[in-house]
């Protein structure tokens, strides 16, 4: 059965349209609170963080009202990276964590990411149970007046998160003498990013640290890496770090100005962990992972398995196969020894730890040759166009044309009104030809 509200990464959409409004967030809170409260039949605790979108001021109070109406106690943390929320949910022994964010999307979108008491994103099975409660009559889930939850604000959430991150490394780990540029996308990592790096002794040049509610991800962050390239060249730094709106993604830039995507970061980490005998099992990628990465791991005798797109599905495969490394080309990377979900700052620290003996970023990365890959996003009113006969016929035609010279992937975005078409081949002209065949069937 298809899910009604949840997509590949929580609930997401345009603010005050569809399901992203105060009324629905009250219902989401009430339903999620009821589900987790009923697990133990006692008052339980929820932890809420958010990114910097203006709409957070509208949606957070509605969500809190729904949770407390279900009898849940609530701690609000303010702007904090998604994995910071996951870590504190687990550390505080809360029953659930909710991140109010639309990740890399523009400011006018918002949504929710839900985490369980173990810091893991909820499974499809649990999301479907919560969806049933969302559609239940409100009065059925309301608590009695003396059973309502209480609300408390924690002002030191970012400091707690930073200390957890640092505790994963030796107390002697220092970034003194290292010059770092960081683009925080005017998002959830705007406080913790520069503060973490400075606390370890680095000289930090930061941008994207002046959120105004409307500029999150705007011509900055991991989806706009030109910004960090410019900063790296301007200040002649050792490493550039670019986060997204909720700081669970990372794209890097070496000291020469070369952009390093998630696939290259995963390749470096896997190689290093294998040498250090830290790598467990192998690596989980996704359907979007570059074919060059797959070939590289085959050459290195590292087991590589693809999951569906979305770091939640990466984590599920990691658990199923008992692997401790996985991630996406977009920069969602899960370090299973330390975290339950993607964390840009944690990955940055692991990379910087690899550089601590004077190694340059340009020497660490670009260790495999990527197959040319083109991704086009087609904005649509109805993503189910992908299932229409005309589109299916076009996909078959394109795949036949591509043959064994590469691969094609056509999928619905789980977070935006788009159909994503990806092609890989050393023949770029062939990729464009195949993508155009599919695009015409969608747009006309």
Protein backbone atom coordinates (compact mmCIF):
# COMPACT_ATOMS: atom_id res chain seq x y z
CA UNK A 1 0.00 0.00 0.00
CA UNK A 2 1.35 3.42 -0.98
CA UNK A 3 1.88 6.01 1.73
CA UNK A 4 -0.48 8.98 1.76
CA UNK A 5 1.62 11.65 3.47
CA UNK A 6 5.19 10.41 3.80
CA UNK A 7 7.66 10.45 0.92
CA UNK A 8 11.21 9.10 0.65
CA UNK A 9 12.41 11.40 3.41
CA UNK A 10 9.53 12.35 5.68
CA UNK A 11 6.81 14.80 4.71
CA UNK A 12 7.61 17.74 2.45
CA UNK A 13 5.90 20.32 0.27
CA UNK A 14 5.11 23.97 -0.31
CA UNK A 15 4.09 25.94 2.76
CA UNK A 16 0.37 26.65 3.13
CA UNK A 17 -0.42 24.35 0.25
CA UNK A 18 -1.40 20.69 0.49
CA UNK A 19 -0.30 19.19 3.81
CA UNK A 20 2.24 21.82 4.90
CA UNK A 21 0.19 24.10 7.11
CA UNK A 22 -0.62 24.63 10.78
CA UNK A 23 -3.75 22.49 10.78
CA UNK A 24 -1.98 19.48 9.30
CA UNK A 25 1.08 19.88 11.53
CA UNK A 26 -1.23 19.77 14.55
CA UNK A 27 -2.61 16.51 13.16
CA UNK A 28 0.89 15.17 12.46
CA UNK A 29 1.93 15.96 16.03
CA UNK A 30 -1.19 14.47 17.51
CA UNK A 31 -0.86 11.29 15.46
CA UNK A 32 2.88 10.80 16.05
CA UNK A 33 2.46 11.59 19.75
CA UNK A 34 -0.40 9.13 20.06
CA UNK A 35 1.56 6.37 18.35
CA UNK A 36 4.64 6.70 20.55
CA UNK A 37 2.67 7.36 23.73
CA UNK A 38 0.64 4.21 23.22
CA UNK A 39 3.79 2.09 23.11
CA UNK A 40 4.16 2.44 26.89
CA UNK A 41 0.80 3.89 27.92
CA UNK A 42 2.51 6.68 29.88
CA UNK A 43 3.50 10.28 29.23
CA UNK A 44 6.47 10.26 26.89
CA UNK A 45 8.96 12.80 25.50
CA UNK A 46 9.43 14.28 22.04
CA UNK A 47 12.36 16.44 20.91
CA UNK A 48 11.91 19.03 18.14
CA UNK A 49 14.55 20.87 16.12
CA UNK A 50 14.26 22.88 12.91
CA UNK A 51 16.17 24.64 10.19
CA UNK A 52 15.95 28.40 9.59
CA UNK A 53 12.89 28.75 7.36
CA UNK A 54 10.45 31.54 8.17
CA UNK A 55 7.62 29.01 8.12
CA UNK A 56 9.18 27.21 11.08
CA UNK A 57 7.67 29.88 13.33
CA UNK A 58 4.21 28.89 12.06
CA UNK A 59 4.60 25.14 11.90
CA UNK A 60 6.53 24.44 15.10
CA UNK A 61 3.84 25.76 17.49
CA UNK A 62 1.19 23.72 15.66
CA UNK A 63 3.33 20.60 15.90
CA UNK A 64 4.00 21.20 19.61
CA UNK A 65 0.28 21.70 20.21
CA UNK A 66 -0.50 18.38 18.56
CA UNK A 67 2.16 16.52 20.55
CA UNK A 68 1.18 17.98 23.91
CA UNK A 69 -2.48 17.39 23.13
CA UNK A 70 -1.56 13.71 22.77
CA UNK A 71 0.07 13.83 26.21
CA UNK A 72 3.70 14.08 25.08
CA UNK A 73 6.25 16.26 26.89
CA UNK A 74 8.19 18.33 24.35
CA UNK A 75 11.70 19.78 24.30
CA UNK A 76 12.31 22.38 21.57
CA UNK A 77 15.92 22.82 20.47
CA UNK A 78 15.74 25.58 17.85
CA UNK A 79 17.95 25.47 14.70
CA UNK A 80 20.08 22.32 14.77
CA UNK A 81 21.39 19.88 12.11
CA UNK A 82 19.21 16.82 11.52
CA UNK A 83 21.76 14.40 12.93
CA UNK A 84 22.17 16.65 15.95
CA UNK A 85 18.49 16.04 16.60
CA UNK A 86 18.92 12.28 16.05
CA UNK A 87 21.88 12.19 18.43
CA UNK A 88 20.11 14.17 21.15
CA UNK A 89 16.92 12.12 20.77
CA UNK A 90 18.96 9.05 21.59
CA UNK A 91 21.12 10.75 24.26
CA UNK A 92 18.07 12.20 26.06
CA UNK A 93 16.26 8.84 25.87
CA UNK A 94 13.30 10.54 24.20
CA UNK A 95 10.66 8.48 22.46
CA UNK A 96 10.84 10.44 19.24
CA UNK A 97 12.60 13.28 17.47
CA UNK A 98 11.06 15.54 14.83
CA UNK A 99 13.09 17.74 12.49
CA UNK A 100 11.13 20.56 10.85
CA UNK A 101 12.92 20.99 7.53
CA UNK A 102 12.74 20.71 3.78
CA UNK A 103 16.46 19.95 3.59
CA UNK A 104 17.95 21.29 0.33
CA UNK A 105 14.64 22.72 -0.97
CA UNK A 106 13.95 26.49 -1.28
CA UNK A 107 12.59 28.49 1.67
CA UNK A 108 8.98 28.24 0.52
CA UNK A 109 8.97 24.48 1.15
CA UNK A 110 8.99 22.81 4.54
CA UNK A 111 8.30 19.44 6.08
CA UNK A 112 9.12 16.87 8.73
CA UNK A 113 11.68 14.14 9.32
CA UNK A 114 10.76 11.73 12.12
CA UNK A 115 13.24 9.73 14.21
CA UNK A 116 12.61 6.95 16.69
CA UNK A 117 14.19 6.57 20.16
CA UNK A 118 17.21 4.85 18.57
CA UNK A 119 17.92 7.93 16.44
CA UNK A 120 16.88 6.11 13.27
CA UNK A 121 14.42 7.44 10.73
CA UNK A 122 11.09 5.67 10.96
CA UNK A 123 10.41 2.63 8.80
CA UNK A 124 7.70 2.56 6.13
CA UNK A 125 5.71 0.27 8.42
CA UNK A 126 5.66 2.78 11.31
CA UNK A 127 4.96 5.70 8.95
CA UNK A 128 1.88 3.87 7.66
CA UNK A 129 0.65 3.34 11.23
CA UNK A 130 1.05 7.05 11.96
CA UNK A 131 -0.77 7.88 8.72
CA UNK A 132 -3.78 5.90 9.92
CA UNK A 133 -3.81 7.96 13.11
CA UNK A 134 -3.57 11.21 11.12
CA UNK A 135 -6.86 10.35 9.44
CA UNK A 136 -8.54 9.35 12.71
CA UNK A 137 -11.01 11.80 14.27
CA UNK A 138 -9.05 14.32 16.35
CA UNK A 139 -11.16 13.86 19.47
CA UNK A 140 -10.22 10.16 19.60
CA UNK A 141 -6.57 11.02 20.35
CA UNK A 142 -6.89 14.05 22.63
CA UNK A 143 -5.65 13.65 26.20
CA UNK A 144 -7.63 14.64 29.27
CA UNK A 145 -6.79 18.09 30.69
CA UNK A 146 -4.63 16.68 33.49
CA UNK A 147 -2.70 14.43 31.09
CA UNK A 148 -1.49 17.13 28.68
CA UNK A 149 2.22 17.37 27.97
CA UNK A 150 4.56 20.17 29.02
CA UNK A 151 7.00 22.16 26.86
CA UNK A 152 10.58 23.21 27.63
CA UNK A 153 13.18 25.00 25.50
CA UNK A 154 16.80 23.77 25.57
CA UNK A 155 19.20 26.61 24.79
CA UNK A 156 22.39 24.54 24.63
CA UNK A 157 21.44 21.97 21.97
CA UNK A 158 24.19 23.02 19.55
CA UNK A 159 26.83 22.82 22.29
CA UNK A 160 25.64 19.33 23.26
CA UNK A 161 25.75 18.25 19.63
CA UNK A 162 29.27 19.63 19.14
CA UNK A 163 30.53 17.77 22.20
CA UNK A 164 29.05 14.49 20.92
CA UNK A 165 30.77 14.99 17.54
CA UNK A 166 34.13 15.73 19.15
CA UNK A 167 33.84 12.73 21.48
CA UNK A 168 34.15 10.44 18.44
CA UNK A 169 37.77 11.51 17.96
CA UNK A 170 40.88 11.45 20.16
CA UNK A 171 41.11 14.32 22.67
CA UNK A 172 44.42 15.25 21.00
CA UNK A 173 42.73 15.87 17.61
CA UNK A 174 43.48 19.45 16.61
CA UNK A 175 42.91 21.55 13.51
CA UNK A 176 45.45 24.17 14.51
CA UNK A 177 47.17 25.49 11.39
CA UNK A 178 44.38 24.26 9.09
CA UNK A 179 42.47 26.83 7.03
CA UNK A 180 38.87 25.90 6.30
CA UNK A 181 36.07 27.54 4.33
CA UNK A 182 32.51 26.52 5.19
CA UNK A 183 29.21 27.35 3.51
CA UNK A 184 26.35 26.63 5.91
CA UNK A 185 23.60 27.37 3.35
CA UNK A 186 21.97 29.82 5.79
CA UNK A 187 20.52 26.69 7.31
CA UNK A 188 20.47 24.54 10.42
CA UNK A 189 24.26 24.25 10.67
CA UNK A 190 24.94 27.99 10.69
CA UNK A 191 25.82 27.98 14.41
CA UNK A 192 27.36 24.57 14.98
CA UNK A 193 29.48 24.42 11.80
CA UNK A 194 31.84 27.37 12.37
CA UNK A 195 31.79 26.88 16.17
CA UNK A 196 32.83 23.22 15.90
CA UNK A 197 35.75 23.91 13.54
CA UNK A 198 36.94 26.95 15.50
CA UNK A 199 36.82 25.02 18.78
CA UNK A 200 39.30 22.54 17.30
CA UNK A 201 41.72 25.34 16.40
CA UNK A 202 41.02 25.85 12.68
CA UNK A 203 41.11 29.21 10.96
CA UNK A 204 37.55 29.41 9.63
CA UNK A 205 36.11 31.47 6.79
CA UNK A 206 32.33 31.11 6.78
CA UNK A 207 29.46 32.11 4.56
CA UNK A 208 25.80 31.15 4.65
CA UNK A 209 25.69 31.99 8.35
CA UNK A 210 23.22 34.90 8.27
CA UNK A 211 19.78 33.28 7.85
CA UNK A 212 16.83 35.62 7.42
CA UNK A 213 14.14 32.95 6.97
CA UNK A 214 14.09 33.35 3.20
CA UNK A 215 17.69 32.78 2.09
CA UNK A 216 18.18 29.13 3.08
CA UNK A 217 19.85 27.26 0.17
CA UNK A 218 19.57 30.40 -1.96
CA UNK A 219 22.56 30.34 -4.34
CA UNK A 220 24.61 28.68 -1.63
CA UNK A 221 25.15 25.36 0.10
CA UNK A 222 25.74 21.87 -1.27
CA UNK A 223 23.41 22.34 -4.25
CA UNK A 224 25.35 25.44 -5.34
CA UNK A 225 29.03 24.41 -4.95
CA UNK A 226 30.34 27.34 -7.01
CA UNK A 227 30.02 29.41 -3.85
CA UNK A 228 32.48 27.29 -1.86
CA UNK A 229 34.81 27.10 -4.88
CA UNK A 230 35.03 30.90 -4.90
CA UNK A 231 35.71 31.02 -1.15
CA UNK A 232 38.43 28.35 -1.35
CA UNK A 233 40.25 30.25 -4.09
CA UNK A 234 39.82 33.63 -2.41
CA UNK A 235 41.27 32.63 0.96
CA UNK A 236 43.61 29.85 -0.25
CA UNK A 237 42.27 27.38 2.30
CA UNK A 238 43.08 23.70 2.79
CA UNK A 239 39.49 22.47 2.47
CA UNK A 240 36.07 23.80 1.55
CA UNK A 241 32.93 22.40 3.21
CA UNK A 242 29.45 22.96 1.84
CA UNK A 243 26.34 21.87 3.77
CA UNK A 244 22.66 21.85 2.84
CA UNK A 245 19.67 23.34 4.67
CA UNK A 246 19.55 20.76 7.48
CA UNK A 247 23.29 19.94 7.32
CA UNK A 248 22.85 16.23 6.63
CA UNK A 249 24.58 16.58 3.24
CA UNK A 250 28.14 17.59 2.44
CA UNK A 251 29.98 18.51 -0.72
CA UNK A 252 33.69 19.32 -0.46
CA UNK A 253 36.18 21.40 -2.41
CA UNK A 254 39.91 20.65 -2.36
CA UNK A 255 42.62 23.31 -2.08
CA UNK A 256 42.87 23.47 -5.89
CA UNK A 257 39.19 24.32 -6.28
CA UNK A 258 38.00 20.88 -7.41
CA UNK A 259 34.48 19.93 -6.30
CA UNK A 260 34.28 16.57 -4.50
CA UNK A 261 30.85 14.92 -4.52
CA UNK A 262 29.45 12.24 -2.25
CA UNK A 263 30.67 9.34 -4.41
CA UNK A 264 34.28 10.54 -4.25
CA UNK A 265 34.03 11.11 -0.49
CA UNK A 266 32.64 7.58 0.00
CA UNK A 267 35.41 6.10 -2.17
CA UNK A 268 38.10 7.82 -0.08
CA UNK A 269 36.56 6.85 3.25
CA UNK A 270 36.04 3.23 2.17
CA UNK A 271 39.66 2.94 0.98
CA UNK A 272 41.00 4.46 4.17
CA UNK A 273 38.75 2.38 6.42
CA UNK A 274 39.74 -0.77 4.55
CA UNK A 275 43.44 -0.02 5.09
CA UNK A 276 42.80 0.66 8.77
CA UNK A 277 40.64 -2.48 9.01
CA UNK A 278 37.69 -0.32 10.08
CA UNK A 279 35.44 -1.06 7.08
CA UNK A 280 32.79 -3.57 7.98
CA UNK A 281 31.27 -5.72 5.22
CA UNK A 282 31.31 -3.24 2.37
CA UNK A 283 29.56 -0.09 1.14
CA UNK A 284 25.94 0.76 0.40
CA UNK A 285 25.30 3.20 -2.45
CA UNK A 286 22.06 4.03 -4.26
CA UNK A 287 20.59 3.74 -7.72
CA UNK A 288 22.14 7.17 -8.39
CA UNK A 289 25.70 6.18 -7.40
CA UNK A 290 28.08 6.60 -10.31
CA UNK A 291 28.95 3.45 -12.23
CA UNK A 292 32.60 4.46 -11.91
CA UNK A 293 32.29 4.07 -8.14
CA UNK A 294 30.91 0.57 -8.58
CA UNK A 295 33.82 -0.34 -10.88
CA UNK A 296 36.33 1.12 -8.44
CA UNK A 297 35.00 -0.97 -5.56
CA UNK A 298 35.08 -4.08 -7.76
CA UNK A 299 38.78 -3.39 -8.47
CA UNK A 300 39.42 -2.86 -4.74
CA UNK A 301 37.54 -6.03 -3.81
CA UNK A 302 35.04 -4.03 -1.74
CA UNK A 303 31.49 -5.32 -1.75
CA UNK A 304 29.08 -2.70 -3.12
CA UNK A 305 25.28 -2.85 -2.92
CA UNK A 306 22.77 -0.33 -4.25
CA UNK A 307 19.65 0.77 -2.35
CA UNK A 308 16.73 2.95 -3.34
CA UNK A 309 17.41 6.69 -3.31
CA UNK A 310 17.20 8.23 0.16
CA UNK A 311 19.53 7.95 3.14
CA UNK A 312 16.84 6.13 5.11
CA UNK A 313 16.97 3.29 2.59
CA UNK A 314 20.78 3.39 2.65
CA UNK A 315 20.70 2.95 6.43
CA UNK A 316 18.20 0.09 6.22
CA UNK A 317 20.49 -1.77 3.78
CA UNK A 318 23.48 -1.06 6.01
CA UNK A 319 21.66 -2.65 8.94
CA UNK A 320 20.45 -5.60 6.90
CA UNK A 321 23.95 -6.37 5.58
CA UNK A 322 25.83 -5.30 8.73
CA UNK A 323 27.84 -2.64 6.82
CA UNK A 324 29.15 0.51 8.49
CA UNK A 325 29.49 2.88 5.51
CA UNK A 326 26.97 4.07 2.96
CA UNK A 327 25.71 7.15 1.22
CA UNK A 328 24.62 9.07 -1.81
CA UNK A 329 26.27 11.06 -4.55
CA UNK A 330 24.36 14.13 -3.29
CA UNK A 331 26.39 14.08 -0.07
CA UNK A 332 24.21 12.10 2.34
CA UNK A 333 26.88 9.91 3.93
CA UNK A 334 26.30 7.67 6.94
CA UNK A 335 29.24 6.73 9.13
CA UNK A 336 27.67 3.77 10.84
CA UNK A 337 30.21 3.61 13.67
CA UNK A 338 29.20 7.07 14.83
CA UNK A 339 25.77 8.05 13.49
CA UNK A 340 22.35 6.76 12.49
CA UNK A 341 21.78 9.19 9.62
CA UNK A 342 23.67 11.55 7.31
CA UNK A 343 25.75 14.26 8.99
CA UNK A 344 27.79 16.75 6.98
CA UNK A 345 29.84 17.99 9.93
CA UNK A 346 30.68 14.50 11.15
CA UNK A 347 31.89 13.52 7.66
CA UNK A 348 33.90 16.76 7.49
CA UNK A 349 35.63 15.85 10.76
CA UNK A 350 36.44 12.36 9.48
CA UNK A 351 37.97 13.87 6.33
CA UNK A 352 39.93 16.44 8.34
CA UNK A 353 41.14 13.68 10.65
CA UNK A 354 42.57 12.00 7.53
CA UNK A 355 44.39 15.25 6.67
CA UNK A 356 45.86 15.82 10.14
CA UNK A 357 49.38 14.66 9.17
CA UNK A 358 49.73 17.27 6.47
CA UNK A 359 48.04 15.43 3.60
CA UNK A 360 46.37 17.65 1.02
CA UNK A 361 42.73 17.18 0.08
CA UNK A 362 43.68 16.92 -3.60
CA UNK A 363 45.85 13.89 -2.75
CA UNK A 364 43.03 12.16 -0.87
CA UNK A 365 40.26 12.46 -3.41
CA UNK A 366 39.45 11.88 -7.09
CA UNK A 367 40.63 8.29 -6.75
CA UNK A 368 38.26 6.86 -9.37
CA UNK A 369 37.23 8.05 -12.80
CA UNK A 370 33.49 8.77 -12.82
CA UNK A 371 31.41 7.78 -15.80
CA UNK A 372 29.85 10.92 -17.34
CA UNK A 373 26.43 11.34 -15.78
CA UNK A 374 23.65 13.74 -16.71
CA UNK A 375 20.64 14.35 -14.45
CA UNK A 376 17.63 16.33 -15.62
CA UNK A 377 14.65 17.20 -13.45
CA UNK A 378 11.31 17.69 -15.18
CA UNK A 379 8.77 19.72 -13.20
CA UNK A 380 5.33 18.11 -13.43
CA UNK A 381 1.88 18.56 -11.91
CA UNK A 382 1.38 14.81 -11.65
CA UNK A 383 4.38 12.57 -10.93
CA UNK A 384 2.30 9.53 -11.91
CA UNK A 385 2.90 10.49 -15.54
CA UNK A 386 5.85 8.14 -15.20
CA UNK A 387 3.39 5.21 -15.15
CA UNK A 388 1.53 6.25 -18.31
CA UNK A 389 1.86 4.08 -21.40
CA UNK A 390 3.46 6.85 -23.45
CA UNK A 391 6.20 7.35 -20.87
CA UNK A 392 6.80 3.61 -20.42
CA UNK A 393 7.17 3.18 -24.17
CA UNK A 394 9.64 6.08 -24.30
CA UNK A 395 11.71 4.55 -21.47
CA UNK A 396 11.83 1.21 -23.30
CA UNK A 397 12.89 2.98 -26.51
CA UNK A 398 15.60 4.94 -24.71
CA UNK A 399 16.93 1.84 -22.92
CA UNK A 400 17.10 -0.02 -26.22
CA UNK A 401 19.04 2.86 -27.75
CA UNK A 402 21.42 3.00 -24.76
CA UNK A 403 21.98 -0.76 -24.85
CA UNK A 404 25.14 -1.83 -23.06
CA UNK A 405 26.82 1.55 -23.53
CA UNK A 406 25.52 2.91 -20.21
CA UNK A 407 22.43 3.01 -18.05
CA UNK A 408 19.28 5.06 -17.53
CA UNK A 409 17.25 5.71 -14.39
CA UNK A 410 13.83 7.38 -14.37
CA UNK A 411 12.13 7.99 -11.03
CA UNK A 412 9.68 10.21 -9.21
CA UNK A 413 11.21 12.64 -6.74
CA UNK A 414 10.15 11.75 -3.23
CA UNK A 415 10.40 15.35 -2.06
CA UNK A 416 9.53 17.65 -5.00
CA UNK A 417 7.01 17.79 -7.90
CA UNK A 418 9.60 16.46 -10.34
CA UNK A 419 10.46 13.41 -12.39
CA UNK A 420 14.21 12.80 -12.37
CA UNK A 421 15.93 11.34 -15.45
CA UNK A 422 19.53 10.20 -15.10
CA UNK A 423 21.76 8.85 -17.82
CA UNK A 424 25.30 7.46 -17.64
CA UNK A 425 27.64 6.71 -20.53
CA UNK A 426 31.02 7.71 -21.89
CA UNK A 427 29.01 8.87 -24.93
CA UNK A 428 27.49 12.16 -23.72
CA UNK A 429 25.64 12.69 -26.99
CA UNK A 430 23.91 9.34 -26.50
CA UNK A 431 22.91 10.29 -22.95
CA UNK A 432 21.27 13.52 -24.13
CA UNK A 433 19.50 11.69 -26.95
CA UNK A 434 18.04 9.11 -24.55
CA UNK A 435 17.01 11.68 -21.96
CA UNK A 436 15.28 13.80 -24.63
CA UNK A 437 13.22 10.80 -25.75
CA UNK A 438 11.91 10.35 -22.21
CA UNK A 439 11.42 14.09 -21.57
CA UNK A 440 9.21 14.47 -24.61
CA UNK A 441 6.90 11.73 -23.35
CA UNK A 442 6.53 13.48 -19.99
CA UNK A 443 6.14 17.08 -21.10
CA UNK A 444 3.82 16.61 -24.06
